[in-house]
Amino acid sequence: MTLSVQGSQDSGRATGGLASSLSPADDAAPQRSPEVRSVYEFEIPNTLVGLIIGIKGKTIKELCVRTGVRMIIRSHHTPGKIETHQICAVEGSRENINRCLRMMRRRFPTARFPELNLRPVLPPPFPGPPAALYGTRPVQLTLPEGERCRVICSATIDVGHFFLQQPQHPTFNALQRLDYYMLGVYMQLAGVPDLPRPVDVDKLCVAPAFDGWYRAVTLDYYQEEDEVMVRYVDYGGYGRLPRSDLRQIRTDFMTLPFQATECYLAHVMPADGTTKWSDEARELFQMLTQGRTLECYVVGYHIEDSRPFVEIFATDKNNRVDRIDSALLDANLAKAWDPSKVRPVLPRPVPPLTSIPLVGHVGNEIFVAE
């Protein structure tokens, strides 16, 4: 049984991860929500639950109203403590949570209630894919070769450079659950260390954006400013953030493969021969990729960074299919690329005919030549 009480409409506003597959990075610098809400969880012995709730919920309602927080009392997530303890979660701003804890301590002083210690506990482990399937080291999902694949364009750097997710991959449905679990852990006020100084490159961490916390990889460390450039590995995009905003990642959050694949658009380059796409090209790309069913086909890999070059096919509600590179060429917003930077995908080998038995027939009888 779960009890939820809030002090006001504002204090009860729940926050969550991204509702759709959009990058938490906004241009080059994702910003934190101006009103970051936190959650603080601690244990309550079953013998004290009734006192904290009060008659008809009077005590817990007063705590919420006077401090502007939301409080939830639920079953303990640790099997060995289900019969003896429950979890109390306090949600609100850091200041209001601290006010609530101080008020609780005054009502339930340590001298009389030593079993109520108010120490934080972390949420349970994330029930993601088993480590035996993907290992404990993070892996990057790759796009299949030799076939079209359903994709979502989750982040766009420019027309020729973007991130794709695979909504039909068996691990994709676990991403929303991962976002939820990470939000619960990293909204905590205590128990989650930030990244130590100096920051190593290519280190998996957790970075804030909007109202959530997302997995990211460190790309560069700016020592004088104590800032870090990161890439969001599940939604795509880049961000430069203060090191103190980044958090160390729990091992149970590392088993889900990275969901966003960084790609280049095949066959085309900007019409003026530079590396900068025009505003008109960006608008057309946005129109063709947003709100449509997308498929991609891998044609090769960049010879320097090994990122895939892909064709993207966009299908609208009338089942009209546009190949995006062709649409850009037809609109004179692109020209043919220089294929010297591409390592093409080799065709799949076909078994030699000599290894296939010859089948013939005489009349109604079928025989195999040997």
Protein backbone atom coordinates (compact mmCIF):
# COMPACT_ATOMS: atom_id res chain seq x y z
CA MET A 1 0.00 0.00 0.00
CA THR A 2 1.28 3.50 -0.90
CA LEU A 3 0.29 6.79 0.76
CA SER A 4 0.89 10.03 -1.14
CA VAL A 5 0.34 13.48 0.40
CA GLN A 6 1.26 16.89 -1.00
CA GLY A 7 1.25 20.37 0.41
CA SER A 8 -0.04 22.24 -2.63
CA GLN A 9 -0.71 21.88 -6.33
CA ASP A 10 2.74 23.23 -7.15
CA SER A 11 4.57 21.06 -4.66
CA GLY A 12 2.87 17.98 -6.04
CA ARG A 13 4.00 18.49 -9.63
CA ALA A 14 5.75 15.33 -10.72
CA THR A 15 8.76 15.44 -12.99
CA GLY A 16 9.92 12.79 -15.40
CA GLY A 17 12.19 11.92 -18.27
CA LEU A 18 11.65 12.88 -21.87
CA ALA A 19 8.21 11.80 -23.04
CA SER A 20 9.42 11.32 -26.59
CA SER A 21 12.73 10.53 -28.22
CA LEU A 22 14.24 14.02 -28.32
CA SER A 23 17.77 14.85 -27.34
CA PRO A 24 18.26 16.43 -23.93
CA ALA A 25 20.91 18.58 -25.60
CA ASP A 26 19.61 21.90 -26.91
CA ASP A 27 22.09 23.09 -29.53
CA ALA A 28 25.52 22.87 -27.86
CA ALA A 29 24.67 23.61 -24.25
CA PRO A 30 21.75 21.94 -22.50
CA GLN A 31 20.51 23.91 -19.53
CA ARG A 32 19.16 22.61 -16.27
CA SER A 33 15.54 23.26 -15.40
CA PRO A 34 15.18 26.56 -13.51
CA GLU A 35 13.24 24.71 -10.78
CA VAL A 36 15.07 21.48 -10.11
CA ARG A 37 13.01 19.27 -7.82
CA SER A 38 14.73 16.68 -5.66
CA VAL A 39 13.68 13.52 -3.87
CA TYR A 40 15.01 12.40 -0.50
CA GLU A 41 14.21 8.85 0.65
CA PHE A 42 14.71 7.36 4.11
CA GLU A 43 13.49 4.38 6.12
CA ILE A 44 10.66 4.40 8.66
CA PRO A 45 10.24 1.49 11.08
CA ASN A 46 6.75 0.02 10.82
CA THR A 47 6.22 0.85 14.50
CA LEU A 48 6.44 4.60 13.71
CA VAL A 49 4.46 4.77 10.46
CA GLY A 50 1.18 5.41 12.26
CA LEU A 51 2.68 8.22 14.36
CA ILE A 52 4.15 9.95 11.29
CA ILE A 53 0.87 9.72 9.37
CA GLY A 54 -1.21 10.80 12.37
CA ILE A 55 -4.95 10.49 12.97
CA LYS A 56 -6.67 10.71 9.57
CA GLY A 57 -3.33 11.82 8.10
CA LYS A 58 -3.18 15.01 10.16
CA THR A 59 0.56 14.89 10.98
CA ILE A 60 1.85 14.10 7.50
CA LYS A 61 -0.51 16.65 5.91
CA GLU A 62 0.75 19.34 8.26
CA LEU A 63 4.36 18.48 7.38
CA CYS A 64 3.58 18.81 3.67
CA VAL A 65 1.57 22.03 3.93
CA ARG A 66 3.99 23.83 6.23
CA THR A 67 7.12 22.92 4.25
CA GLY A 68 5.73 22.81 0.68
CA VAL A 69 6.75 19.23 -0.11
CA ARG A 70 5.11 16.05 -1.32
CA MET A 71 5.52 12.92 0.84
CA ILE A 72 5.01 9.30 -0.20
CA ILE A 73 5.14 6.31 2.14
CA ARG A 74 5.51 2.98 0.34
CA SER A 75 6.75 -0.56 0.85
CA HIS A 76 10.49 -1.11 1.24
CA HIS A 77 12.29 -2.32 -1.90
CA THR A 78 14.77 -4.50 0.02
CA PRO A 79 13.28 -8.00 0.56
CA GLY A 80 14.86 -8.36 4.01
CA LYS A 81 13.18 -5.17 5.27
CA ILE A 82 9.68 -5.49 3.80
CA GLU A 83 8.30 -6.81 7.09
CA THR A 84 10.04 -4.27 9.35
CA HIS A 85 10.41 -0.96 7.49
CA GLN A 86 8.80 1.28 4.88
CA ILE A 87 10.25 3.99 2.66
CA CYS A 88 9.32 7.66 3.02
CA ALA A 89 10.07 9.79 -0.06
CA VAL A 90 10.04 13.59 0.28
CA GLU A 91 9.82 15.50 -3.01
CA GLY A 92 10.37 19.24 -3.45
CA SER A 93 13.08 21.85 -3.63
CA ARG A 94 16.24 21.22 -1.63
CA GLU A 95 15.36 24.02 0.78
CA ASN A 96 11.86 22.70 1.42
CA ILE A 97 13.07 19.11 1.86
CA ASN A 98 15.56 20.27 4.48
CA ARG A 99 12.79 22.23 6.24
CA CYS A 100 10.63 19.09 6.29
CA LEU A 101 13.44 16.95 7.72
CA ARG A 102 14.19 19.51 10.44
CA MET A 103 10.51 19.68 11.34
CA MET A 104 10.32 15.88 11.53
CA ARG A 105 13.39 15.79 13.76
CA ARG A 106 11.79 18.29 16.14
CA ARG A 107 8.57 16.26 16.29
CA PHE A 108 10.45 12.97 16.63
CA PRO A 109 13.66 13.79 18.57
CA THR A 110 16.52 11.32 18.50
CA ALA A 111 16.43 10.88 22.28
CA ARG A 112 12.88 9.47 22.14
CA PHE A 113 12.96 7.91 18.66
CA PRO A 114 16.54 6.65 18.04
CA GLU A 115 15.24 4.13 15.47
CA LEU A 116 14.23 7.02 13.15
CA ASN A 117 17.62 8.16 11.81
CA LEU A 118 16.48 10.01 8.61
CA ARG A 119 19.59 8.77 6.78
CA PRO A 120 19.12 8.57 2.98
CA VAL A 121 18.65 5.28 1.15
CA LEU A 122 19.10 4.84 -2.59
CA PRO A 123 16.43 3.38 -4.89
CA PRO A 124 16.64 -0.30 -5.89
CA PRO A 125 18.87 -1.51 -8.77
CA PHE A 126 17.64 -0.92 -12.32
CA PRO A 127 16.03 -4.11 -13.75
CA GLY A 128 17.64 -3.74 -17.15
CA PRO A 129 18.95 -6.36 -19.59
CA PRO A 130 20.96 -9.07 -17.81
CA ALA A 131 24.70 -8.53 -17.72
CA ALA A 132 25.16 -12.00 -19.20
CA LEU A 133 23.49 -10.74 -22.40
CA TYR A 134 25.40 -7.50 -23.00
CA GLY A 135 28.16 -7.65 -20.38
CA THR A 136 28.94 -5.13 -17.67
CA ARG A 137 30.89 -2.86 -20.03
CA PRO A 138 28.69 -0.45 -22.00
CA VAL A 139 28.21 -1.28 -25.68
CA GLN A 140 27.04 0.88 -28.56
CA LEU A 141 24.14 -0.32 -30.69
CA THR A 142 25.04 -0.50 -34.37
CA LEU A 143 22.77 -0.19 -37.38
CA PRO A 144 22.19 -3.41 -39.33
CA GLU A 145 23.80 -3.77 -42.76
CA GLY A 146 22.15 -5.02 -45.93
CA GLU A 147 18.58 -4.08 -44.95
CA ARG A 148 16.42 -1.11 -44.11
CA CYS A 149 15.91 -0.36 -40.43
CA ARG A 150 13.17 1.64 -38.67
CA VAL A 151 14.72 4.66 -36.93
CA ILE A 152 13.95 7.86 -35.03
CA CYS A 153 16.02 10.99 -35.60
CA SER A 154 16.57 11.85 -31.94
CA ALA A 155 19.09 14.69 -32.34
CA THR A 156 20.31 16.80 -35.26
CA ILE A 157 23.70 18.51 -35.39
CA ASP A 158 23.09 19.61 -38.98
CA VAL A 159 21.59 18.20 -42.18
CA GLY A 160 24.46 15.81 -42.75
CA HIS A 161 25.15 14.88 -39.12
CA PHE A 162 22.58 13.44 -36.71
CA PHE A 163 21.73 10.70 -34.22
CA LEU A 164 19.38 7.77 -34.86
CA GLN A 165 17.58 5.47 -32.43
CA GLN A 166 16.15 2.04 -33.31
CA PRO A 167 12.60 1.83 -31.86
CA GLN A 168 12.20 -1.81 -32.91
CA HIS A 169 15.37 -3.00 -31.19
CA PRO A 170 14.49 -5.29 -28.24
CA THR A 171 16.34 -3.02 -25.77
CA PHE A 172 14.62 0.23 -26.80
CA ASN A 173 11.60 -0.20 -24.53
CA ALA A 174 13.91 -0.30 -21.51
CA LEU A 175 15.14 3.25 -22.19
CA GLN A 176 12.12 5.00 -20.70
CA ARG A 177 12.39 2.78 -17.62
CA LEU A 178 16.09 3.62 -17.33
CA ASP A 179 15.28 7.35 -17.49
CA TYR A 180 12.76 6.89 -14.68
CA TYR A 181 15.19 5.00 -12.44
CA MET A 182 18.01 7.47 -13.06
CA LEU A 183 15.72 10.37 -12.23
CA GLY A 184 14.90 8.73 -8.91
CA VAL A 185 18.56 8.19 -8.03
CA TYR A 186 20.12 11.46 -9.20
CA MET A 187 17.44 13.74 -7.77
CA GLN A 188 18.64 12.52 -4.36
CA LEU A 189 20.32 15.13 -2.20
CA ALA A 190 22.92 12.73 -0.82
CA GLY A 191 24.77 9.55 -1.61
CA VAL A 192 25.63 10.22 -5.28
CA PRO A 193 29.20 11.50 -5.84
CA ASP A 194 30.14 13.90 -8.62
CA LEU A 195 33.01 13.27 -11.03
CA PRO A 196 36.46 13.61 -9.45
CA ARG A 197 38.93 16.18 -10.72
CA PRO A 198 40.60 15.96 -13.23
CA VAL A 199 38.07 14.28 -15.52
CA ASP A 200 39.27 11.47 -17.76
CA VAL A 201 38.20 11.41 -21.41
CA ASP A 202 35.82 8.67 -22.60
CA LYS A 203 34.34 8.17 -19.14
CA LEU A 204 30.68 7.20 -18.76
CA CYS A 205 28.81 9.50 -16.39
CA VAL A 206 25.38 11.02 -15.76
CA ALA A 207 24.56 14.56 -16.93
CA PRO A 208 21.54 16.78 -16.17
CA ALA A 209 19.30 18.30 -18.82
CA PHE A 210 15.83 19.83 -18.51
CA ASP A 211 14.01 17.84 -15.80
CA GLY A 212 16.04 14.64 -16.13
CA TRP A 213 19.41 12.92 -15.81
CA TYR A 214 20.90 11.06 -18.76
CA ARG A 215 23.88 8.87 -19.57
CA ALA A 216 26.75 10.70 -21.22
CA VAL A 217 30.38 10.15 -22.22
CA THR A 218 33.09 12.71 -21.47
CA LEU A 219 34.86 14.04 -24.56
CA ASP A 220 37.08 16.85 -23.25
CA TYR A 221 37.95 18.51 -19.95
CA TYR A 222 38.58 22.27 -19.71
CA GLN A 223 40.70 22.51 -16.59
CA GLU A 224 40.72 26.30 -16.16
CA GLU A 225 36.92 26.54 -16.28
CA ASP A 226 36.43 23.12 -14.62
CA GLU A 227 33.94 22.24 -17.38
CA VAL A 228 33.41 19.07 -19.39
CA MET A 229 32.22 18.43 -22.95
CA VAL A 230 29.92 15.40 -23.07
CA ARG A 231 27.94 13.41 -25.62
CA TYR A 232 24.51 12.08 -24.62
CA VAL A 233 24.69 8.40 -25.54
CA ASP A 234 20.99 7.47 -25.55
CA TYR A 235 19.44 10.52 -27.24
CA GLY A 236 22.39 12.15 -28.98
CA GLY A 237 23.68 15.70 -28.94
CA TYR A 238 26.54 17.40 -27.14
CA GLY A 239 26.82 19.67 -24.13
CA ARG A 240 29.46 21.58 -22.18
CA LEU A 241 28.68 21.48 -18.45
CA PRO A 242 30.34 22.35 -15.14
CA ARG A 243 32.11 19.30 -13.76
CA SER A 244 30.21 19.71 -10.48
CA ASP A 245 26.93 19.07 -12.36
CA LEU A 246 28.06 15.62 -13.54
CA ARG A 247 27.61 12.48 -11.46
CA GLN A 248 29.26 9.09 -11.29
CA ILE A 249 27.14 6.31 -12.77
CA ARG A 250 25.88 3.23 -10.96
CA THR A 251 26.95 -0.09 -12.45
CA ASP A 252 23.35 -1.28 -12.91
CA PHE A 253 22.78 1.69 -15.24
CA MET A 254 25.60 0.57 -17.54
CA THR A 255 24.15 -2.67 -18.95
CA LEU A 256 21.64 -1.14 -21.39
CA PRO A 257 23.38 -0.59 -24.77
CA PHE A 258 23.80 3.03 -25.86
CA GLN A 259 20.67 3.77 -27.89
CA ALA A 260 21.70 6.68 -30.16
CA THR A 261 23.95 6.02 -33.17
CA GLU A 262 25.83 9.00 -34.62
CA CYS A 263 25.47 9.08 -38.42
CA TYR A 264 26.17 11.04 -41.60
CA LEU A 265 23.80 11.53 -44.56
CA ALA A 266 25.00 9.63 -47.62
CA HIS A 267 25.46 10.85 -51.21
CA VAL A 268 25.25 14.63 -50.62
CA MET A 269 27.12 17.67 -49.34
CA PRO A 270 26.13 21.37 -49.07
CA ALA A 271 25.31 22.94 -52.42
CA ASP A 272 28.08 25.55 -52.16
CA GLY A 273 30.74 22.90 -51.59
CA THR A 274 31.49 23.99 -48.01
CA THR A 275 30.73 22.11 -44.81
CA LYS A 276 27.89 24.47 -43.78
CA TRP A 277 24.30 23.66 -44.72
CA SER A 278 21.89 26.47 -45.61
CA ASP A 279 18.88 27.40 -43.51
CA GLU A 280 16.62 26.18 -46.33
CA ALA A 281 18.31 22.77 -46.29
CA ARG A 282 17.89 22.54 -42.52
CA GLU A 283 14.20 23.43 -42.78
CA LEU A 284 13.63 20.78 -45.45
CA PHE A 285 15.49 18.16 -43.41
CA GLN A 286 13.43 19.04 -40.34
CA MET A 287 10.17 18.83 -42.28
CA LEU A 288 11.03 15.42 -43.73
CA THR A 289 12.26 13.83 -40.50
CA GLN A 290 9.75 15.09 -37.92
CA GLY A 291 6.42 13.28 -37.54
CA ARG A 292 7.18 10.72 -40.24
CA THR A 293 8.05 7.05 -40.30
CA LEU A 294 11.78 6.83 -41.00
CA GLU A 295 13.94 4.01 -42.29
CA CYS A 296 17.67 4.05 -42.90
CA TYR A 297 20.07 2.00 -44.99
CA VAL A 298 23.81 1.87 -44.27
CA VAL A 299 25.89 2.43 -47.42
CA GLY A 300 29.33 2.78 -45.84
CA TYR A 301 31.49 4.20 -43.06
CA HIS A 302 33.66 7.30 -42.73
CA ILE A 303 37.29 6.38 -43.30
CA GLU A 304 38.44 8.53 -40.34
CA ASP A 305 35.91 8.13 -37.51
CA SER A 306 34.05 4.97 -38.73
CA ARG A 307 30.61 6.57 -38.30
CA PRO A 308 28.02 5.18 -40.72
CA PHE A 309 26.80 6.98 -43.83
CA VAL A 310 23.10 6.28 -44.26
CA GLU A 311 20.27 6.82 -46.69
CA ILE A 312 17.09 7.96 -44.94
CA PHE A 313 13.64 7.16 -46.30
CA ALA A 314 10.74 9.22 -44.90
CA THR A 315 7.15 8.01 -45.30
CA ASP A 316 4.27 10.43 -44.72
CA LYS A 317 0.65 9.65 -43.72
CA ASN A 318 -0.27 9.14 -47.40
CA ASN A 319 2.47 6.49 -47.76
CA ARG A 320 4.54 8.76 -49.96
CA VAL A 321 8.24 7.95 -49.56
CA ASP A 322 10.99 10.57 -49.86
CA ARG A 323 14.67 9.71 -49.86
CA ILE A 324 16.09 12.72 -48.06
CA ASP A 325 19.31 13.08 -50.05
CA SER A 326 17.31 12.98 -53.31
CA ALA A 327 14.87 15.59 -51.97
CA LEU A 328 17.78 17.91 -51.13
CA LEU A 329 19.27 17.44 -54.60
CA ASP A 330 15.92 18.04 -56.31
CA ALA A 331 15.53 21.30 -54.35
CA ASN A 332 19.06 22.41 -55.37
CA LEU A 333 20.01 22.54 -51.69
CA ALA A 334 22.76 19.92 -52.02
CA LYS A 335 25.19 18.48 -54.53
CA ALA A 336 26.76 15.06 -54.96
CA TRP A 337 29.33 14.17 -52.33
CA ASP A 338 32.99 13.23 -52.57
CA PRO A 339 32.93 9.43 -52.09
CA SER A 340 36.65 9.27 -51.29
CA LYS A 341 35.85 9.66 -47.56
CA VAL A 342 33.62 6.58 -47.55
CA ARG A 343 34.48 2.95 -46.96
CA PRO A 344 31.57 1.22 -48.69
CA VAL A 345 29.71 -1.70 -47.18
CA LEU A 346 30.79 -4.85 -48.96
CA PRO A 347 28.00 -7.02 -50.36
CA ARG A 348 27.25 -10.16 -48.45
CA PRO A 349 29.06 -13.18 -49.90
CA VAL A 350 26.90 -15.56 -51.94
CA PRO A 351 27.60 -19.29 -51.49
CA PRO A 352 29.20 -20.77 -54.63
CA LEU A 353 26.89 -22.80 -56.85
CA THR A 354 29.13 -25.84 -56.54
CA SER A 355 28.19 -26.17 -52.88
CA ILE A 356 24.45 -26.38 -53.67
CA PRO A 357 23.14 -29.83 -54.69
CA LEU A 358 21.52 -29.89 -58.14
CA VAL A 359 17.89 -30.90 -58.02
CA GLY A 360 16.14 -32.43 -61.03
CA HIS A 361 13.11 -34.52 -61.78
CA VAL A 362 11.98 -37.25 -64.17
CA GLY A 363 8.25 -37.47 -64.50
CA ASN A 364 6.80 -37.17 -61.01
CA GLU A 365 10.01 -38.28 -59.25
CA ILE A 366 12.40 -35.76 -57.67
CA PHE A 367 16.08 -36.62 -57.26
CA VAL A 368 19.22 -34.89 -56.00
CA ALA A 369 22.36 -35.10 -58.14
CA GLU A 370 25.40 -36.35 -56.23
